[in-house]
Amino acid sequence: MSTIAVHSWPTPNGHKVHIMLEECGLPYEAIPVNIGAGEQFRPDFLAISPNNKIPAIVDPDGPDGEPIPVFESGAILVYLAAKTGRFLPAGDRAKYEVLQWLMFQMGGVGPMLGQCHHFRIYAPEKIAYAIDRYTNEAKRLYGVIDKRLAQSEWLGGAEYSIADIATFPWLRSWQNQGVQLEDYPHLQRWFDTIAQRPAVQRGVKVLAELRKPITEDAKAREILFGAAQYQRR
């Protein structure tokens, strides 16, 4: 089986794909894209990820036997699920049950918790309105997940799926989001169960030794949050 090239960095979105690859047992090579050093803006990376975001993959053995690049972490999870026949049900009803919770993560959990991290930790000016807004939204989202998991063992239904794989990495930083896991007992049960999976434990370690605290790196903060981020490329 061909080795999939994974252009990535140890962030929640990167970890989603690392975990999926480990869960599926697919051969892959993790190629670091140091987002604090601006490597996401290199032309070779933009050629496969035009929105200059990690992760992106190149599968030498695409659906037609030809190489295929895929960007956006949610799309990569769907692609890998289709490739392997794992973690996404085949039946329409069950499949869309999973996909709606995957979209919930992509459209809500990731963006909102990302903003929560930014204003609570990285923003040079501590803006009370922004901190309160995104901390409260984080707690609301945790509540939505907790309610779902009171009714279902997994986010997408009866089986562990790409919806769980996508969401778990974002909740690993719950303390930075102003959240206490014990306030969400059903979510905590789910979280602890996933954290014990060997593939998950391997996935969150991928490239982890390369990451340094952004709060201690003025150049990285400027690249990630300053004018460089908004240049047209």
C-alpha atoms as a PDB file:
ATOM      1  CA  MET A   1       0.000   0.000   0.000  1.00  0.00           C
ATOM      2  CA  SER A   2       1.302   3.445  -0.921  1.00  0.00           C
ATOM      3  CA  THR A   3       2.463   5.849   1.772  1.00  0.00           C
ATOM      4  CA  ILE A   4       0.241   8.902   2.243  1.00  0.00           C
ATOM      5  CA  ALA A   5       2.080  12.209   2.661  1.00  0.00           C
ATOM      6  CA  VAL A   6       0.566  14.201   5.533  1.00  0.00           C
ATOM      7  CA  HIS A   7       1.582  17.858   5.580  1.00  0.00           C
ATOM      8  CA  SER A   8       0.706  18.821   9.102  1.00  0.00           C
ATOM      9  CA  TRP A   9       1.507  20.329  12.493  1.00  0.00           C
ATOM     10  CA  PRO A  10       0.536  19.209  16.033  1.00  0.00           C
ATOM     11  CA  THR A  11      -2.681  21.222  16.378  1.00  0.00           C
ATOM     12  CA  PRO A  12      -6.235  19.924  16.900  1.00  0.00           C
ATOM     13  CA  ASN A  13      -6.878  19.915  13.155  1.00  0.00           C
ATOM     14  CA  GLY A  14      -3.639  18.100  12.518  1.00  0.00           C
ATOM     15  CA  HIS A  15      -4.318  15.576  15.256  1.00  0.00           C
ATOM     16  CA  LYS A  16      -7.672  14.658  13.688  1.00  0.00           C
ATOM     17  CA  VAL A  17      -5.914  13.296  10.625  1.00  0.00           C
ATOM     18  CA  HIS A  18      -3.022  11.747  12.554  1.00  0.00           C
ATOM     19  CA  ILE A  19      -5.540   9.847  14.697  1.00  0.00           C
ATOM     20  CA  MET A  20      -7.579   8.736  11.690  1.00  0.00           C
ATOM     21  CA  LEU A  21      -4.516   7.376   9.931  1.00  0.00           C
ATOM     22  CA  GLU A  22      -3.468   5.512  13.052  1.00  0.00           C
ATOM     23  CA  GLU A  23      -6.978   4.136  13.571  1.00  0.00           C
ATOM     24  CA  CYS A  24      -7.111   2.926   9.969  1.00  0.00           C
ATOM     25  CA  GLY A  25      -3.605   1.480  10.034  1.00  0.00           C
ATOM     26  CA  LEU A  26      -2.658   3.316   6.855  1.00  0.00           C
ATOM     27  CA  PRO A  27       1.024   3.914   6.061  1.00  0.00           C
ATOM     28  CA  TYR A  28       1.851   7.609   6.156  1.00  0.00           C
ATOM     29  CA  GLU A  29       4.698  10.067   6.401  1.00  0.00           C
ATOM     30  CA  ALA A  30       4.154  13.128   8.579  1.00  0.00           C
ATOM     31  CA  ILE A  31       5.780  16.129   6.897  1.00  0.00           C
ATOM     32  CA  PRO A  32       5.977  19.085   9.301  1.00  0.00           C
ATOM     33  CA  VAL A  33       4.603  22.438   8.207  1.00  0.00           C
ATOM     34  CA  ASN A  34       5.762  24.830  10.909  1.00  0.00           C
ATOM     35  CA  ILE A  35       2.928  27.338  11.005  1.00  0.00           C
ATOM     36  CA  GLY A  36       4.794  29.504  13.511  1.00  0.00           C
ATOM     37  CA  ALA A  37       7.616  29.905  10.996  1.00  0.00           C
ATOM     38  CA  GLY A  38       5.273  30.684   8.089  1.00  0.00           C
ATOM     39  CA  GLU A  39       5.837  27.436   6.192  1.00  0.00           C
ATOM     40  CA  GLN A  40       2.103  27.279   5.402  1.00  0.00           C
ATOM     41  CA  PHE A  41       2.650  30.140   2.953  1.00  0.00           C
ATOM     42  CA  ARG A  42       5.219  28.337   0.816  1.00  0.00           C
ATOM     43  CA  PRO A  43       4.142  27.887  -2.822  1.00  0.00           C
ATOM     44  CA  ASP A  44       4.580  24.111  -2.682  1.00  0.00           C
ATOM     45  CA  PHE A  45       2.196  23.861   0.272  1.00  0.00           C
ATOM     46  CA  LEU A  46      -0.298  26.319  -1.247  1.00  0.00           C
ATOM     47  CA  ALA A  47      -0.398  24.078  -4.311  1.00  0.00           C
ATOM     48  CA  ILE A  48      -2.126  21.400  -2.229  1.00  0.00           C
ATOM     49  CA  SER A  49      -3.755  23.602   0.430  1.00  0.00           C
ATOM     50  CA  PRO A  50      -4.852  26.857  -1.207  1.00  0.00           C
ATOM     51  CA  ASN A  51      -6.262  28.254   2.060  1.00  0.00           C
ATOM     52  CA  ASN A  52      -2.779  27.938   3.648  1.00  0.00           C
ATOM     53  CA  LYS A  53      -4.103  25.793   6.505  1.00  0.00           C
ATOM     54  CA  ILE A  54      -2.863  22.463   7.798  1.00  0.00           C
ATOM     55  CA  PRO A  55      -3.387  19.598   7.384  1.00  0.00           C
ATOM     56  CA  ALA A  56      -3.332  18.501   3.774  1.00  0.00           C
ATOM     57  CA  ILE A  57      -2.572  15.084   2.349  1.00  0.00           C
ATOM     58  CA  VAL A  58      -1.351  13.640  -0.907  1.00  0.00           C
ATOM     59  CA  ASP A  59      -2.422  10.071  -1.515  1.00  0.00           C
ATOM     60  CA  PRO A  60      -0.344   8.476  -4.307  1.00  0.00           C
ATOM     61  CA  ASP A  61      -3.091   5.904  -4.771  1.00  0.00           C
ATOM     62  CA  GLY A  62      -6.193   8.030  -5.379  1.00  0.00           C
ATOM     63  CA  PRO A  63      -9.647   6.772  -6.363  1.00  0.00           C
ATOM     64  CA  ASP A  64      -8.610   6.503 -10.016  1.00  0.00           C
ATOM     65  CA  GLY A  65      -5.179   5.119  -9.240  1.00  0.00           C
ATOM     66  CA  GLU A  66      -3.596   8.542  -9.664  1.00  0.00           C
ATOM     67  CA  PRO A  67      -2.228  10.799  -6.876  1.00  0.00           C
ATOM     68  CA  ILE A  68      -4.823  13.026  -5.224  1.00  0.00           C
ATOM     69  CA  PRO A  69      -4.296  15.978  -2.868  1.00  0.00           C
ATOM     70  CA  VAL A  70      -6.957  16.707  -0.254  1.00  0.00           C
ATOM     71  CA  PHE A  71      -7.104  19.711   2.055  1.00  0.00           C
ATOM     72  CA  GLU A  72      -9.485  20.632   4.932  1.00  0.00           C
ATOM     73  CA  SER A  73      -9.377  18.230   7.863  1.00  0.00           C
ATOM     74  CA  GLY A  74     -13.045  17.249   7.633  1.00  0.00           C
ATOM     75  CA  ALA A  75     -12.749  16.463   3.943  1.00  0.00           C
ATOM     76  CA  ILE A  76      -9.637  14.396   4.657  1.00  0.00           C
ATOM     77  CA  LEU A  77     -11.510  12.364   7.274  1.00  0.00           C
ATOM     78  CA  VAL A  78     -14.342  11.686   4.816  1.00  0.00           C
ATOM     79  CA  TYR A  79     -11.826  10.745   2.129  1.00  0.00           C
ATOM     80  CA  LEU A  80      -9.954   8.329   4.379  1.00  0.00           C
ATOM     81  CA  ALA A  81     -13.217   6.819   5.641  1.00  0.00           C
ATOM     82  CA  ALA A  82     -14.295   6.200   2.038  1.00  0.00           C
ATOM     83  CA  LYS A  83     -10.881   4.787   1.138  1.00  0.00           C
ATOM     84  CA  THR A  84     -10.856   2.296   3.996  1.00  0.00           C
ATOM     85  CA  GLY A  85     -14.556   1.692   4.595  1.00  0.00           C
ATOM     86  CA  ARG A  86     -14.078   2.557   8.261  1.00  0.00           C
ATOM     87  CA  PHE A  87     -15.554   5.032  10.756  1.00  0.00           C
ATOM     88  CA  LEU A  88     -18.345   6.210   8.434  1.00  0.00           C
ATOM     89  CA  PRO A  89     -21.406   3.977   8.062  1.00  0.00           C
ATOM     90  CA  ALA A  90     -22.481   2.847   4.619  1.00  0.00           C
ATOM     91  CA  GLY A  91     -26.226   3.189   5.153  1.00  0.00           C
ATOM     92  CA  ASP A  92     -27.650   6.604   4.323  1.00  0.00           C
ATOM     93  CA  ARG A  93     -29.419   7.253   7.616  1.00  0.00           C
ATOM     94  CA  ALA A  94     -26.441   6.283   9.765  1.00  0.00           C
ATOM     95  CA  LYS A  95     -23.988   8.045   7.435  1.00  0.00           C
ATOM     96  CA  TYR A  96     -25.786  11.371   7.656  1.00  0.00           C
ATOM     97  CA  GLU A  97     -26.096  11.008  11.415  1.00  0.00           C
ATOM     98  CA  VAL A  98     -22.313  10.964  11.532  1.00  0.00           C
ATOM     99  CA  LEU A  99     -21.812  13.669   8.919  1.00  0.00           C
ATOM    100  CA  GLN A 100     -24.046  16.176  10.668  1.00  0.00           C
ATOM    101  CA  TRP A 101     -21.938  15.870  13.829  1.00  0.00           C
ATOM    102  CA  LEU A 102     -18.772  16.150  11.761  1.00  0.00           C
ATOM    103  CA  MET A 103     -20.134  19.399  10.299  1.00  0.00           C
ATOM    104  CA  PHE A 104     -21.034  20.535  13.823  1.00  0.00           C
ATOM    105  CA  GLN A 105     -17.368  20.196  14.694  1.00  0.00           C
ATOM    106  CA  MET A 106     -16.146  21.886  11.531  1.00  0.00           C
ATOM    107  CA  GLY A 107     -18.585  24.785  11.677  1.00  0.00           C
ATOM    108  CA  GLY A 108     -18.922  25.254  15.421  1.00  0.00           C
ATOM    109  CA  VAL A 109     -16.548  23.462  17.760  1.00  0.00           C
ATOM    110  CA  GLY A 110     -13.330  24.214  15.871  1.00  0.00           C
ATOM    111  CA  PRO A 111     -13.922  27.868  14.965  1.00  0.00           C
ATOM    112  CA  MET A 112     -15.501  28.862  18.278  1.00  0.00           C
ATOM    113  CA  LEU A 113     -12.985  27.085  20.513  1.00  0.00           C
ATOM    114  CA  GLY A 114     -10.227  28.501  18.331  1.00  0.00           C
ATOM    115  CA  GLN A 115     -11.521  32.012  19.030  1.00  0.00           C
ATOM    116  CA  CYS A 116     -11.808  31.115  22.704  1.00  0.00           C
ATOM    117  CA  HIS A 117      -8.147  30.100  22.762  1.00  0.00           C
ATOM    118  CA  HIS A 118      -7.157  33.258  20.921  1.00  0.00           C
ATOM    119  CA  PHE A 119      -8.826  35.775  23.198  1.00  0.00           C
ATOM    120  CA  ARG A 120      -8.113  33.925  26.442  1.00  0.00           C
ATOM    121  CA  ILE A 121      -4.458  33.101  25.711  1.00  0.00           C
ATOM    122  CA  TYR A 122      -2.920  34.723  22.637  1.00  0.00           C
ATOM    123  CA  ALA A 123      -4.524  38.137  22.133  1.00  0.00           C
ATOM    124  CA  PRO A 124      -2.113  40.924  23.128  1.00  0.00           C
ATOM    125  CA  GLU A 125      -5.008  42.869  24.627  1.00  0.00           C
ATOM    126  CA  LYS A 126      -7.323  41.149  27.100  1.00  0.00           C
ATOM    127  CA  ILE A 127     -10.776  42.168  25.909  1.00  0.00           C
ATOM    128  CA  ALA A 128     -13.361  41.190  28.508  1.00  0.00           C
ATOM    129  CA  TYR A 129     -16.248  41.190  26.023  1.00  0.00           C
ATOM    130  CA  ALA A 130     -14.462  38.792  23.653  1.00  0.00           C
ATOM    131  CA  ILE A 131     -13.244  36.518  26.456  1.00  0.00           C
ATOM    132  CA  ASP A 132     -16.740  36.289  27.944  1.00  0.00           C
ATOM    133  CA  ARG A 133     -18.385  35.783  24.556  1.00  0.00           C
ATOM    134  CA  TYR A 134     -16.202  32.896  23.442  1.00  0.00           C
ATOM    135  CA  THR A 135     -15.885  31.279  26.878  1.00  0.00           C
ATOM    136  CA  ASN A 136     -19.670  31.238  27.148  1.00  0.00           C
ATOM    137  CA  GLU A 137     -19.930  29.825  23.632  1.00  0.00           C
ATOM    138  CA  ALA A 138     -17.404  27.115  24.525  1.00  0.00           C
ATOM    139  CA  LYS A 139     -19.512  26.141  27.521  1.00  0.00           C
ATOM    140  CA  ARG A 140     -22.643  26.113  25.380  1.00  0.00           C
ATOM    141  CA  LEU A 141     -21.001  23.798  22.845  1.00  0.00           C
ATOM    142  CA  TYR A 142     -19.804  21.480  25.596  1.00  0.00           C
ATOM    143  CA  GLY A 143     -23.392  21.407  26.798  1.00  0.00           C
ATOM    144  CA  VAL A 144     -24.679  20.458  23.354  1.00  0.00           C
ATOM    145  CA  ILE A 145     -22.166  17.615  23.188  1.00  0.00           C
ATOM    146  CA  ASP A 146     -22.965  16.478  26.720  1.00  0.00           C
ATOM    147  CA  LYS A 147     -26.687  16.347  25.940  1.00  0.00           C
ATOM    148  CA  ARG A 148     -26.031  14.338  22.789  1.00  0.00           C
ATOM    149  CA  LEU A 149     -23.823  11.889  24.674  1.00  0.00           C
ATOM    150  CA  ALA A 150     -26.488  11.419  27.308  1.00  0.00           C
ATOM    151  CA  GLN A 151     -28.592   9.947  24.513  1.00  0.00           C
ATOM    152  CA  SER A 152     -25.937   8.203  22.420  1.00  0.00           C
ATOM    153  CA  GLU A 153     -22.713   6.368  23.210  1.00  0.00           C
ATOM    154  CA  TRP A 154     -20.885   8.215  20.428  1.00  0.00           C
ATOM    155  CA  LEU A 155     -21.498  11.536  18.699  1.00  0.00           C
ATOM    156  CA  GLY A 156     -22.575   9.941  15.430  1.00  0.00           C
ATOM    157  CA  GLY A 157     -24.620   7.139  16.953  1.00  0.00           C
ATOM    158  CA  ALA A 158     -23.883   3.641  18.196  1.00  0.00           C
ATOM    159  CA  GLU A 159     -20.372   3.383  16.731  1.00  0.00           C
ATOM    160  CA  TYR A 160     -17.141   5.354  17.081  1.00  0.00           C
ATOM    161  CA  SER A 161     -16.763   7.464  13.925  1.00  0.00           C
ATOM    162  CA  ILE A 162     -15.046  10.357  12.220  1.00  0.00           C
ATOM    163  CA  ALA A 163     -17.341  12.692  14.184  1.00  0.00           C
ATOM    164  CA  ASP A 164     -15.649  11.588  17.408  1.00  0.00           C
ATOM    165  CA  ILE A 165     -12.190  11.635  15.827  1.00  0.00           C
ATOM    166  CA  ALA A 166     -12.759  15.213  14.632  1.00  0.00           C
ATOM    167  CA  THR A 167     -14.112  16.551  17.917  1.00  0.00           C
ATOM    168  CA  PHE A 168     -11.867  14.953  20.517  1.00  0.00           C
ATOM    169  CA  PRO A 169      -8.644  16.877  19.727  1.00  0.00           C
ATOM    170  CA  TRP A 170     -10.391  20.218  20.196  1.00  0.00           C
ATOM    171  CA  LEU A 171     -11.549  19.290  23.692  1.00  0.00           C
ATOM    172  CA  ARG A 172      -8.112  18.228  24.927  1.00  0.00           C
ATOM    173  CA  SER A 173      -7.452  21.893  25.820  1.00  0.00           C
ATOM    174  CA  TRP A 174     -10.599  22.245  27.938  1.00  0.00           C
ATOM    175  CA  GLN A 175      -8.739  24.068  30.703  1.00  0.00           C
ATOM    176  CA  ASN A 176      -7.640  26.782  28.258  1.00  0.00           C
ATOM    177  CA  GLN A 177     -11.290  27.230  27.277  1.00  0.00           C
ATOM    178  CA  GLY A 178     -12.473  28.036  30.799  1.00  0.00           C
ATOM    179  CA  VAL A 179     -14.293  24.704  31.043  1.00  0.00           C
ATOM    180  CA  GLN A 180     -14.366  22.017  33.734  1.00  0.00           C
ATOM    181  CA  LEU A 181     -14.961  18.535  32.332  1.00  0.00           C
ATOM    182  CA  GLU A 182     -16.717  17.359  35.485  1.00  0.00           C
ATOM    183  CA  ASP A 183     -19.522  19.789  34.666  1.00  0.00           C
ATOM    184  CA  TYR A 184     -20.275  17.597  31.618  1.00  0.00           C
ATOM    185  CA  PRO A 185     -20.337  13.983  32.897  1.00  0.00           C
ATOM    186  CA  HIS A 186     -21.509  12.332  29.679  1.00  0.00           C
ATOM    187  CA  LEU A 187     -18.897  14.203  27.681  1.00  0.00           C
ATOM    188  CA  GLN A 188     -16.237  13.271  30.241  1.00  0.00           C
ATOM    189  CA  ARG A 189     -17.134   9.569  29.926  1.00  0.00           C
ATOM    190  CA  TRP A 190     -16.772   9.842  26.148  1.00  0.00           C
ATOM    191  CA  PHE A 191     -13.559  11.874  26.400  1.00  0.00           C
ATOM    192  CA  ASP A 192     -11.880   9.436  28.782  1.00  0.00           C
ATOM    193  CA  THR A 193     -12.865   6.458  26.623  1.00  0.00           C
ATOM    194  CA  ILE A 194     -11.362   7.991  23.492  1.00  0.00           C
ATOM    195  CA  ALA A 195      -8.218   9.105  25.308  1.00  0.00           C
ATOM    196  CA  GLN A 196      -7.512   5.472  26.201  1.00  0.00           C
ATOM    197  CA  ARG A 197      -7.544   4.251  22.592  1.00  0.00           C
ATOM    198  CA  PRO A 198      -4.003   3.252  21.521  1.00  0.00           C
ATOM    199  CA  ALA A 199      -4.390   4.815  18.056  1.00  0.00           C
ATOM    200  CA  VAL A 200      -5.467   8.105  19.631  1.00  0.00           C
ATOM    201  CA  GLN A 201      -2.509   8.057  22.000  1.00  0.00           C
ATOM    202  CA  ARG A 202      -0.184   7.513  19.057  1.00  0.00           C
ATOM    203  CA  GLY A 203      -1.906  10.129  16.906  1.00  0.00           C
ATOM    204  CA  VAL A 204      -1.627  13.005  19.371  1.00  0.00           C
ATOM    205  CA  LYS A 205       2.117  12.387  19.678  1.00  0.00           C
ATOM    206  CA  VAL A 206       2.772  12.852  15.944  1.00  0.00           C
ATOM    207  CA  LEU A 207       5.109  15.857  15.481  1.00  0.00           C
ATOM    208  CA  ALA A 208       4.336  16.934  19.074  1.00  0.00           C
ATOM    209  CA  GLU A 209       8.007  17.327  19.969  1.00  0.00           C
ATOM    210  CA  LEU A 210       8.361  20.083  17.345  1.00  0.00           C
ATOM    211  CA  ARG A 211       5.793  22.475  18.763  1.00  0.00           C
ATOM    212  CA  LYS A 212       6.863  25.316  21.048  1.00  0.00           C
ATOM    213  CA  PRO A 213       4.592  27.619  23.089  1.00  0.00           C
ATOM    214  CA  ILE A 214       3.403  30.438  20.845  1.00  0.00           C
ATOM    215  CA  THR A 215       3.067  32.769  23.834  1.00  0.00           C
ATOM    216  CA  GLU A 216       6.871  32.761  24.134  1.00  0.00           C
ATOM    217  CA  ASP A 217       7.574  33.428  20.445  1.00  0.00           C
ATOM    218  CA  ALA A 218       6.902  36.968  19.204  1.00  0.00           C
ATOM    219  CA  LYS A 219       7.782  36.079  15.606  1.00  0.00           C
ATOM    220  CA  ALA A 220       5.349  33.151  15.581  1.00  0.00           C
ATOM    221  CA  ARG A 221       2.577  35.339  17.006  1.00  0.00           C
ATOM    222  CA  GLU A 222       3.142  37.891  14.264  1.00  0.00           C
ATOM    223  CA  ILE A 223       3.063  35.219  11.552  1.00  0.00           C
ATOM    224  CA  LEU A 224      -0.053  33.548  12.937  1.00  0.00           C
ATOM    225  CA  PHE A 225      -2.030  36.590  14.031  1.00  0.00           C
ATOM    226  CA  GLY A 226      -0.478  39.590  12.289  1.00  0.00           C
ATOM    227  CA  ALA A 227      -0.487  41.023   8.776  1.00  0.00           C
ATOM    228  CA  ALA A 228       1.186  37.992   7.182  1.00  0.00           C
ATOM    229  CA  GLN A 229      -1.985  35.963   7.694  1.00  0.00           C
ATOM    230  CA  TYR A 230      -4.042  38.329   5.542  1.00  0.00           C
ATOM    231  CA  GLN A 231      -1.834  38.795   2.510  1.00  0.00           C
ATOM    232  CA  ARG A 232      -3.315  37.772  -0.785  1.00  0.00           C
ATOM    233  CA  ARG A 233      -1.364  34.886  -2.297  1.00  0.00           C
END
